[in-house]
PDB file of N, CA and C in Angstrom:
ATOM      1  N   MET A   1       0.848  -1.182   0.000  1.00  0.00           N
ATOM      2  CA  MET A   1       0.000   0.000   0.000  1.00  0.00           C
ATOM      3  C   MET A   1       0.889   1.238   0.000  1.00  0.00           C
ATOM      4  N   ILE A   2       0.509   2.221  -0.779  1.00  0.00           N
ATOM      5  CA  ILE A   2       1.257   3.471  -0.859  1.00  0.00           C
ATOM      6  C   ILE A   2       0.779   4.395   0.260  1.00  0.00           C
ATOM      7  N   SER A   3       1.726   4.941   1.004  1.00  0.00           N
ATOM      8  CA  SER A   3       1.379   5.843   2.108  1.00  0.00           C
ATOM      9  C   SER A   3       1.182   7.266   1.590  1.00  0.00           C
ATOM     10  N   LEU A   4       0.603   8.116   2.420  1.00  0.00           N
ATOM     11  CA  LEU A   4       0.414   9.521   2.064  1.00  0.00           C
ATOM     12  C   LEU A   4       1.766  10.170   1.783  1.00  0.00           C
ATOM     13  N   GLU A   5       2.772   9.845   2.571  1.00  0.00           N
ATOM     14  CA  GLU A   5       4.094  10.424   2.361  1.00  0.00           C
ATOM     15  C   GLU A   5       4.647  10.032   0.994  1.00  0.00           C
ATOM     16  N   ASP A   6       4.438   8.778   0.590  1.00  0.00           N
ATOM     17  CA  ASP A   6       4.882   8.337  -0.743  1.00  0.00           C
ATOM     18  C   ASP A   6       4.149   9.114  -1.832  1.00  0.00           C
ATOM     19  N   MET A   7       2.842   9.293  -1.641  1.00  0.00           N
ATOM     20  CA  MET A   7       2.048  10.027  -2.626  1.00  0.00           C
ATOM     21  C   MET A   7       2.533  11.477  -2.721  1.00  0.00           C
ATOM     22  N   GLU A   8       2.797  12.096  -1.570  1.00  0.00           N
ATOM     23  CA  GLU A   8       3.267  13.482  -1.564  1.00  0.00           C
ATOM     24  C   GLU A   8       4.628  13.602  -2.239  1.00  0.00           C
ATOM     25  N   ASP A   9       5.495  12.611  -2.027  1.00  0.00           N
ATOM     26  CA  ASP A   9       6.821  12.636  -2.636  1.00  0.00           C
ATOM     27  C   ASP A   9       6.748  12.500  -4.155  1.00  0.00           C
ATOM     28  N   MET A  10       5.738  11.819  -4.661  1.00  0.00           N
ATOM     29  CA  MET A  10       5.591  11.623  -6.102  1.00  0.00           C
ATOM     30  C   MET A  10       4.815  12.760  -6.769  1.00  0.00           C
ATOM     31  N   CYS A  11       4.202  13.618  -5.986  1.00  0.00           N
ATOM     32  CA  CYS A  11       3.362  14.696  -6.512  1.00  0.00           C
ATOM     33  C   CYS A  11       4.218  15.852  -7.023  1.00  0.00           C
ATOM     34  N   SER A  12       3.682  16.595  -7.965  1.00  0.00           N
ATOM     35  CA  SER A  12       4.388  17.742  -8.534  1.00  0.00           C
ATOM     36  C   SER A  12       4.398  18.952  -7.618  1.00  0.00           C
ATOM     37  N   LEU A  13       3.598  18.949  -6.574  1.00  0.00           N
ATOM     38  CA  LEU A  13       3.493  20.094  -5.673  1.00  0.00           C
ATOM     39  C   LEU A  13       4.133  19.779  -4.330  1.00  0.00           C
ATOM     40  N   THR A  14       4.381  20.821  -3.557  1.00  0.00           N
ATOM     41  CA  THR A  14       4.943  20.649  -2.218  1.00  0.00           C
ATOM     42  C   THR A  14       3.855  20.161  -1.262  1.00  0.00           C
ATOM     43  N   ARG A  15       4.277  19.718  -0.109  1.00  0.00           N
ATOM     44  CA  ARG A  15       3.306  19.257   0.893  1.00  0.00           C
ATOM     45  C   ARG A  15       2.376  20.395   1.316  1.00  0.00           C
ATOM     46  N   ALA A  16       2.911  21.604   1.451  1.00  0.00           N
ATOM     47  CA  ALA A  16       2.072  22.752   1.836  1.00  0.00           C
ATOM     48  C   ALA A  16       1.042  23.055   0.751  1.00  0.00           C
ATOM     49  N   GLU A  17       1.453  22.958  -0.508  1.00  0.00           N
ATOM     50  CA  GLU A  17       0.524  23.199  -1.615  1.00  0.00           C
ATOM     51  C   GLU A  17      -0.554  22.120  -1.661  1.00  0.00           C
ATOM     52  N   ILE A  18      -0.166  20.880  -1.410  1.00  0.00           N
ATOM     53  CA  ILE A  18      -1.130  19.781  -1.372  1.00  0.00           C
ATOM     54  C   ILE A  18      -2.148  20.025  -0.270  1.00  0.00           C
ATOM     55  N   ALA A  19      -1.660  20.399   0.908  1.00  0.00           N
ATOM     56  CA  ALA A  19      -2.562  20.657   2.042  1.00  0.00           C
ATOM     57  C   ALA A  19      -3.529  21.787   1.717  1.00  0.00           C
ATOM     58  N   GLN A  20      -3.064  22.813   1.010  1.00  0.00           N
ATOM     59  CA  GLN A  20      -3.934  23.938   0.674  1.00  0.00           C
ATOM     60  C   GLN A  20      -4.986  23.530  -0.346  1.00  0.00           C
ATOM     61  N   VAL A  21      -4.618  22.730  -1.329  1.00  0.00           N
ATOM     62  CA  VAL A  21      -5.604  22.243  -2.303  1.00  0.00           C
ATOM     63  C   VAL A  21      -6.641  21.374  -1.597  1.00  0.00           C
ATOM     64  N   ALA A  22      -6.186  20.548  -0.661  1.00  0.00           N
ATOM     65  CA  ALA A  22      -7.121  19.709   0.097  1.00  0.00           C
ATOM     66  C   ALA A  22      -8.101  20.577   0.888  1.00  0.00           C
ATOM     67  N   ALA A  23      -7.591  21.636   1.520  1.00  0.00           N
ATOM     68  CA  ALA A  23      -8.460  22.534   2.282  1.00  0.00           C
ATOM     69  C   ALA A  23      -9.415  23.268   1.353  1.00  0.00           C
ATOM     70  N   HIS A  24      -8.919  23.728   0.213  1.00  0.00           N
ATOM     71  CA  HIS A  24      -9.759  24.462  -0.745  1.00  0.00           C
ATOM     72  C   HIS A  24     -10.896  23.592  -1.274  1.00  0.00           C
ATOM     73  N   GLU A  25     -10.553  22.342  -1.583  1.00  0.00           N
ATOM     74  CA  GLU A  25     -11.532  21.423  -2.168  1.00  0.00           C
ATOM     75  C   GLU A  25     -12.331  20.643  -1.114  1.00  0.00           C
ATOM     76  N   HIS A  26     -11.973  20.803   0.155  1.00  0.00           N
ATOM     77  CA  HIS A  26     -12.639  20.093   1.258  1.00  0.00           C
ATOM     78  C   HIS A  26     -12.574  18.572   1.068  1.00  0.00           C
ATOM     79  N   VAL A  27     -11.351  18.107   0.750  1.00  0.00           N
ATOM     80  CA  VAL A  27     -11.116  16.678   0.556  1.00  0.00           C
ATOM     81  C   VAL A  27      -9.881  16.275   1.361  1.00  0.00           C
ATOM     82  N   THR A  28      -9.636  14.980   1.419  1.00  0.00           N
ATOM     83  CA  THR A  28      -8.430  14.492   2.094  1.00  0.00           C
ATOM     84  C   THR A  28      -7.206  14.826   1.249  1.00  0.00           C
ATOM     85  N   GLU A  29      -6.040  14.763   1.865  1.00  0.00           N
ATOM     86  CA  GLU A  29      -4.813  15.028   1.124  1.00  0.00           C
ATOM     87  C   GLU A  29      -4.575  13.967   0.060  1.00  0.00           C
ATOM     88  N   GLU A  30      -4.991  12.736   0.313  1.00  0.00           N
ATOM     89  CA  GLU A  30      -4.858  11.687  -0.703  1.00  0.00           C
ATOM     90  C   GLU A  30      -5.678  12.040  -1.941  1.00  0.00           C
ATOM     91  N   ALA A  31      -6.905  12.479  -1.726  1.00  0.00           N
ATOM     92  CA  ALA A  31      -7.763  12.872  -2.845  1.00  0.00           C
ATOM     93  C   ALA A  31      -7.195  14.112  -3.535  1.00  0.00           C
ATOM     94  N   ALA A  32      -6.602  15.012  -2.765  1.00  0.00           N
ATOM     95  CA  ALA A  32      -6.008  16.219  -3.350  1.00  0.00           C
ATOM     96  C   ALA A  32      -4.833  15.857  -4.251  1.00  0.00           C
ATOM     97  N   VAL A  33      -4.007  14.902  -3.840  1.00  0.00           N
ATOM     98  CA  VAL A  33      -2.870  14.477  -4.670  1.00  0.00           C
ATOM     99  C   VAL A  33      -3.379  13.948  -5.998  1.00  0.00           C
ATOM    100  N   ALA A  34      -4.419  13.125  -5.970  1.00  0.00           N
ATOM    101  CA  ALA A  34      -4.977  12.578  -7.210  1.00  0.00           C
ATOM    102  C   ALA A  34      -5.509  13.697  -8.105  1.00  0.00           C
ATOM    103  N   GLU A  35      -6.208  14.664  -7.521  1.00  0.00           N
ATOM    104  CA  GLU A  35      -6.758  15.787  -8.282  1.00  0.00           C
ATOM    105  C   GLU A  35      -5.633  16.663  -8.846  1.00  0.00           C
ATOM    106  N   ILE A  36      -4.611  16.904  -8.056  1.00  0.00           N
ATOM    107  CA  ILE A  36      -3.478  17.715  -8.508  1.00  0.00           C
ATOM    108  C   ILE A  36      -2.799  17.069  -9.701  1.00  0.00           C
ATOM    109  N   GLU A  37      -2.515  15.794  -9.591  1.00  0.00           N
ATOM    110  CA  GLU A  37      -1.828  15.109 -10.685  1.00  0.00           C
ATOM    111  C   GLU A  37      -2.693  15.075 -11.951  1.00  0.00           C
ATOM    112  N   ARG A  38      -4.002  14.948 -11.786  1.00  0.00           N
ATOM    113  CA  ARG A  38      -4.902  14.989 -12.940  1.00  0.00           C
ATOM    114  C   ARG A  38      -4.829  16.374 -13.578  1.00  0.00           C
ATOM    115  N   LEU A  39      -4.926  17.419 -12.751  1.00  0.00           N
ATOM    116  CA  LEU A  39      -4.909  18.786 -13.277  1.00  0.00           C
ATOM    117  C   LEU A  39      -3.565  19.148 -13.901  1.00  0.00           C
ATOM    118  N   MET A  40      -2.479  18.703 -13.308  1.00  0.00           N
ATOM    119  CA  MET A  40      -1.165  19.066 -13.828  1.00  0.00           C
ATOM    120  C   MET A  40      -0.905  18.481 -15.213  1.00  0.00           C
ATOM    121  N   HIS A  41      -1.674  17.466 -15.581  1.00  0.00           N
ATOM    122  CA  HIS A  41      -1.499  16.841 -16.901  1.00  0.00           C
ATOM    123  C   HIS A  41      -2.669  17.139 -17.827  1.00  0.00           C
ATOM    124  N   GLN A  42      -3.504  18.069 -17.451  1.00  0.00           N
ATOM    125  CA  GLN A  42      -4.685  18.435 -18.232  1.00  0.00           C
ATOM    126  C   GLN A  42      -4.479  19.835 -18.812  1.00  0.00           C
ATOM    127  N   HIS A  43      -4.986  20.055 -20.017  1.00  0.00           N
ATOM    128  CA  HIS A  43      -4.901  21.376 -20.642  1.00  0.00           C
ATOM    129  C   HIS A  43      -5.562  22.414 -19.732  1.00  0.00           C
ATOM    130  N   GLY A  44      -4.814  23.434 -19.346  1.00  0.00           N
ATOM    131  CA  GLY A  44      -5.336  24.483 -18.475  1.00  0.00           C
ATOM    132  C   GLY A  44      -5.386  24.106 -17.007  1.00  0.00           C
ATOM    133  N   GLY A  45      -4.971  22.905 -16.659  1.00  0.00           N
ATOM    134  CA  GLY A  45      -5.022  22.456 -15.269  1.00  0.00           C
ATOM    135  C   GLY A  45      -4.132  23.235 -14.321  1.00  0.00           C
ATOM    136  N   PRO A  46      -2.864  23.497 -14.703  1.00  0.00           N
ATOM    137  CA  PRO A  46      -2.014  24.279 -13.809  1.00  0.00           C
ATOM    138  C   PRO A  46      -2.602  25.666 -13.513  1.00  0.00           C
ATOM    139  N   GLN A  47      -3.269  26.261 -14.500  1.00  0.00           N
ATOM    140  CA  GLN A  47      -3.902  27.557 -14.280  1.00  0.00           C
ATOM    141  C   GLN A  47      -5.070  27.439 -13.301  1.00  0.00           C
ATOM    142  N   LYS A  48      -5.751  26.292 -13.302  1.00  0.00           N
ATOM    143  CA  LYS A  48      -6.850  26.082 -12.350  1.00  0.00           C
ATOM    144  C   LYS A  48      -6.318  26.034 -10.927  1.00  0.00           C
ATOM    145  N   LEU A  49      -5.148  25.419 -10.737  1.00  0.00           N
ATOM    146  CA  LEU A  49      -4.542  25.400  -9.407  1.00  0.00           C
ATOM    147  C   LEU A  49      -4.125  26.812  -8.998  1.00  0.00           C
ATOM    148  N   ASN A  50      -3.627  27.596  -9.940  1.00  0.00           N
ATOM    149  CA  ASN A  50      -3.297  28.997  -9.687  1.00  0.00           C
ATOM    150  C   ASN A  50      -4.556  29.726  -9.221  1.00  0.00           C
ATOM    151  N   LEU A  51      -5.650  29.520  -9.910  1.00  0.00           N
ATOM    152  CA  LEU A  51      -6.911  30.174  -9.558  1.00  0.00           C
ATOM    153  C   LEU A  51      -7.373  29.779  -8.151  1.00  0.00           C
ATOM    154  N   MET A  52      -7.223  28.507  -7.791  1.00  0.00           N
ATOM    155  CA  MET A  52      -7.604  28.067  -6.442  1.00  0.00           C
ATOM    156  C   MET A  52      -6.847  28.854  -5.377  1.00  0.00           C
ATOM    157  N   LEU A  53      -5.530  28.979  -5.580  1.00  0.00           N
ATOM    158  CA  LEU A  53      -4.721  29.714  -4.609  1.00  0.00           C
ATOM    159  C   LEU A  53      -5.132  31.180  -4.566  1.00  0.00           C
ATOM    160  N   CYS A  54      -5.405  31.776  -5.728  1.00  0.00           N
ATOM    161  CA  CYS A  54      -5.851  33.180  -5.761  1.00  0.00           C
ATOM    162  C   CYS A  54      -7.187  33.354  -5.046  1.00  0.00           C
ATOM    163  N   GLN A  55      -8.093  32.400  -5.215  1.00  0.00           N
ATOM    164  CA  GLN A  55      -9.388  32.459  -4.527  1.00  0.00           C
ATOM    165  C   GLN A  55      -9.197  32.391  -3.019  1.00  0.00           C
ATOM    166  N   ASP A  56      -8.273  31.551  -2.568  1.00  0.00           N
ATOM    167  CA  ASP A  56      -8.017  31.427  -1.133  1.00  0.00           C
ATOM    168  C   ASP A  56      -7.396  32.708  -0.570  1.00  0.00           C
ATOM    169  N   ILE A  57      -6.509  33.340  -1.347  1.00  0.00           N
ATOM    170  CA  ILE A  57      -5.924  34.615  -0.920  1.00  0.00           C
ATOM    171  C   ILE A  57      -7.026  35.656  -0.801  1.00  0.00           C
ATOM    172  N   ARG A  58      -7.890  35.727  -1.795  1.00  0.00           N
ATOM    173  CA  ARG A  58      -8.998  36.693  -1.788  1.00  0.00           C
ATOM    174  C   ARG A  58      -9.907  36.462  -0.577  1.00  0.00           C
ATOM    175  N   ALA A  59     -10.204  35.196  -0.285  1.00  0.00           N
ATOM    176  CA  ALA A  59     -11.057  34.886   0.863  1.00  0.00           C
ATOM    177  C   ALA A  59     -10.393  35.319   2.172  1.00  0.00           C
ATOM    178  N   ALA A  60      -9.086  35.098   2.286  1.00  0.00           N
ATOM    179  CA  ALA A  60      -8.370  35.508   3.498  1.00  0.00           C
ATOM    180  C   ALA A  60      -8.380  37.028   3.638  1.00  0.00           C
ATOM    181  N   LEU A  61      -8.219  37.741   2.533  1.00  0.00           N
ATOM    182  CA  LEU A  61      -8.250  39.209   2.583  1.00  0.00           C
ATOM    183  C   LEU A  61      -9.636  39.721   2.960  1.00  0.00           C
ATOM    184  N   HIS A  62     -10.672  39.095   2.407  1.00  0.00           N
ATOM    185  CA  HIS A  62     -12.040  39.499   2.751  1.00  0.00           C
ATOM    186  C   HIS A  62     -12.364  39.211   4.210  1.00  0.00           C
ATOM    187  N   ALA A  63     -11.701  38.207   4.780  1.00  0.00           N
ATOM    188  CA  ALA A  63     -11.901  37.880   6.189  1.00  0.00           C
ATOM    189  C   ALA A  63     -10.958  38.678   7.098  1.00  0.00           C
ATOM    190  N   ASP A  64     -10.224  39.604   6.512  1.00  0.00           N
ATOM    191  CA  ASP A  64      -9.248  40.412   7.252  1.00  0.00           C
ATOM    192  C   ASP A  64      -8.205  39.558   7.966  1.00  0.00           C
ATOM    193  N   ASP A  65      -7.858  38.426   7.355  1.00  0.00           N
ATOM    194  CA  ASP A  65      -6.844  37.532   7.912  1.00  0.00           C
ATOM    195  C   ASP A  65      -5.539  37.744   7.141  1.00  0.00           C
ATOM    196  N   LEU A  66      -4.861  38.832   7.455  1.00  0.00           N
ATOM    197  CA  LEU A  66      -3.652  39.205   6.734  1.00  0.00           C
ATOM    198  C   LEU A  66      -2.532  38.166   6.873  1.00  0.00           C
ATOM    199  N   PRO A  67      -2.307  37.579   8.040  1.00  0.00           N
ATOM    200  CA  PRO A  67      -1.258  36.547   8.128  1.00  0.00           C
ATOM    201  C   PRO A  67      -1.542  35.362   7.195  1.00  0.00           C
ATOM    202  N   GLU A  68      -2.794  34.947   7.100  1.00  0.00           N
ATOM    203  CA  GLU A  68      -3.140  33.838   6.208  1.00  0.00           C
ATOM    204  C   GLU A  68      -2.974  34.257   4.752  1.00  0.00           C
ATOM    205  N   ALA A  69      -3.369  35.463   4.420  1.00  0.00           N
ATOM    206  CA  ALA A  69      -3.200  35.952   3.047  1.00  0.00           C
ATOM    207  C   ALA A  69      -1.715  35.990   2.677  1.00  0.00           C
ATOM    208  N   ARG A  70      -0.877  36.421   3.597  1.00  0.00           N
ATOM    209  CA  ARG A  70       0.566  36.448   3.336  1.00  0.00           C
ATOM    210  C   ARG A  70       1.113  35.038   3.136  1.00  0.00           C
ATOM    211  N   ARG A  71       0.678  34.110   3.983  1.00  0.00           N
ATOM    212  CA  ARG A  71       1.121  32.712   3.849  1.00  0.00           C
ATOM    213  C   ARG A  71       0.720  32.157   2.497  1.00  0.00           C
ATOM    214  N   LEU A  72      -0.517  32.419   2.108  1.00  0.00           N
ATOM    215  CA  LEU A  72      -1.009  31.918   0.830  1.00  0.00           C
ATOM    216  C   LEU A  72      -0.304  32.578  -0.351  1.00  0.00           C
ATOM    217  N   PHE A  73       0.006  33.872  -0.219  1.00  0.00           N
ATOM    218  CA  PHE A  73       0.720  34.560  -1.287  1.00  0.00           C
ATOM    219  C   PHE A  73       2.113  33.959  -1.468  1.00  0.00           C
ATOM    220  N   ALA A  74       2.780  33.646  -0.365  1.00  0.00           N
ATOM    221  CA  ALA A  74       4.093  33.004  -0.442  1.00  0.00           C
ATOM    222  C   ALA A  74       3.970  31.631  -1.107  1.00  0.00           C
ATOM    223  N   LEU A  75       2.903  30.914  -0.789  1.00  0.00           N
ATOM    224  CA  LEU A  75       2.649  29.615  -1.406  1.00  0.00           C
ATOM    225  C   LEU A  75       2.440  29.780  -2.913  1.00  0.00           C
ATOM    226  N   LEU A  76       1.660  30.782  -3.291  1.00  0.00           N
ATOM    227  CA  LEU A  76       1.404  31.053  -4.707  1.00  0.00           C
ATOM    228  C   LEU A  76       2.701  31.405  -5.435  1.00  0.00           C
ATOM    229  N   ARG A  77       3.522  32.243  -4.838  1.00  0.00           N
ATOM    230  CA  ARG A  77       4.794  32.619  -5.473  1.00  0.00           C
ATOM    231  C   ARG A  77       5.683  31.399  -5.695  1.00  0.00           C
ATOM    232  N   GLY A  78       5.734  30.508  -4.703  1.00  0.00           N
ATOM    233  CA  GLY A  78       6.532  29.293  -4.853  1.00  0.00           C
ATOM    234  C   GLY A  78       5.976  28.385  -5.942  1.00  0.00           C
ATOM    235  N   TYR A  79       4.646  28.275  -5.976  1.00  0.00           N
ATOM    236  CA  TYR A  79       3.998  27.440  -6.996  1.00  0.00           C
ATOM    237  C   TYR A  79       4.303  27.981  -8.391  1.00  0.00           C
ATOM    238  N   LEU A  80       4.165  29.297  -8.584  1.00  0.00           N
ATOM    239  CA  LEU A  80       4.399  29.885  -9.901  1.00  0.00           C
ATOM    240  C   LEU A  80       5.872  29.828 -10.297  1.00  0.00           C
ATOM    241  N   ALA A  81       6.771  29.916  -9.326  1.00  0.00           N
ATOM    242  CA  ALA A  81       8.202  29.792  -9.624  1.00  0.00           C
ATOM    243  C   ALA A  81       8.529  28.383 -10.110  1.00  0.00           C
ATOM    244  N   ALA A  82       7.906  27.394  -9.496  1.00  0.00           N
ATOM    245  CA  ALA A  82       8.153  26.001  -9.871  1.00  0.00           C
ATOM    246  C   ALA A  82       7.374  25.585 -11.117  1.00  0.00           C
ATOM    247  N   HIS A  83       6.252  26.257 -11.371  1.00  0.00           N
ATOM    248  CA  HIS A  83       5.375  25.877 -12.488  1.00  0.00           C
ATOM    249  C   HIS A  83       4.983  27.125 -13.294  1.00  0.00           C
ATOM    250  N   PRO A  84       5.920  27.678 -14.078  1.00  0.00           N
ATOM    251  CA  PRO A  84       5.608  28.902 -14.832  1.00  0.00           C
ATOM    252  C   PRO A  84       4.467  28.725 -15.829  1.00  0.00           C
ATOM    253  N   GLU A  85       4.192  27.501 -16.205  1.00  0.00           N
ATOM    254  CA  GLU A  85       3.076  27.244 -17.125  1.00  0.00           C
ATOM    255  C   GLU A  85       1.721  27.556 -16.475  1.00  0.00           C
ATOM    256  N   ALA A  86       1.713  27.746 -15.163  1.00  0.00           N
ATOM    257  CA  ALA A  86       0.465  28.009 -14.441  1.00  0.00           C
ATOM    258  C   ALA A  86       0.077  29.486 -14.463  1.00  0.00           C
ATOM    259  N   VAL A  87       0.965  30.330 -14.942  1.00  0.00           N
ATOM    260  CA  VAL A  87       0.647  31.759 -15.008  1.00  0.00           C
ATOM    261  C   VAL A  87      -0.497  31.960 -15.982  1.00  0.00           C
ATOM    262  N   ARG A  88      -1.490  32.730 -15.561  1.00  0.00           N
ATOM    263  CA  ARG A  88      -2.603  32.988 -16.457  1.00  0.00           C
ATOM    264  C   ARG A  88      -2.099  33.676 -17.710  1.00  0.00           C
ATOM    265  N   GLY A  89      -2.572  33.213 -18.848  1.00  0.00           N
ATOM    266  CA  GLY A  89      -2.149  33.780 -20.113  1.00  0.00           C
ATOM    267  C   GLY A  89      -0.924  33.097 -20.693  1.00  0.00           C
ATOM    268  N   ALA A  90      -0.321  32.176 -19.931  1.00  0.00           N
ATOM    269  CA  ALA A  90       0.823  31.442 -20.454  1.00  0.00           C
ATOM    270  C   ALA A  90       0.348  30.507 -21.558  1.00  0.00           C
ATOM    271  N   PRO A  91       1.157  30.313 -22.587  1.00  0.00           N
ATOM    272  CA  PRO A  91       0.720  29.384 -23.636  1.00  0.00           C
ATOM    273  C   PRO A  91       0.608  27.978 -23.077  1.00  0.00           C
ATOM    274  N   PRO A  92      -0.472  27.264 -23.408  1.00  0.00           N
ATOM    275  CA  PRO A  92      -0.624  25.891 -22.902  1.00  0.00           C
ATOM    276  C   PRO A  92       0.442  24.972 -23.470  1.00  0.00           C
ATOM    277  N   ASP A  93       0.677  23.879 -22.760  1.00  0.00           N
ATOM    278  CA  ASP A  93       1.677  22.892 -23.207  1.00  0.00           C
ATOM    279  C   ASP A  93       1.323  22.327 -24.550  1.00  0.00           C
TER     280      ASP A  93
END
């Protein structure tokens, strides 16, 4: 049986990014890994993950939770640095 740690190690995203996608989608981290890997190999999928993070930042700002918005912004910057194809307007693969 593959453990969560094995799944996270094989995923294209960091553990923090996986946890955030799981929280955004209200699913387990195992389900988030499966969804992430599906999206990362789908046309426009990386941009959808970018949008999820942007939505979470917006929600944190609307809730006046500046520390959470900063944490999420740092997560977004790391994601975009590692996956430039996720930038909105980037040419698809």
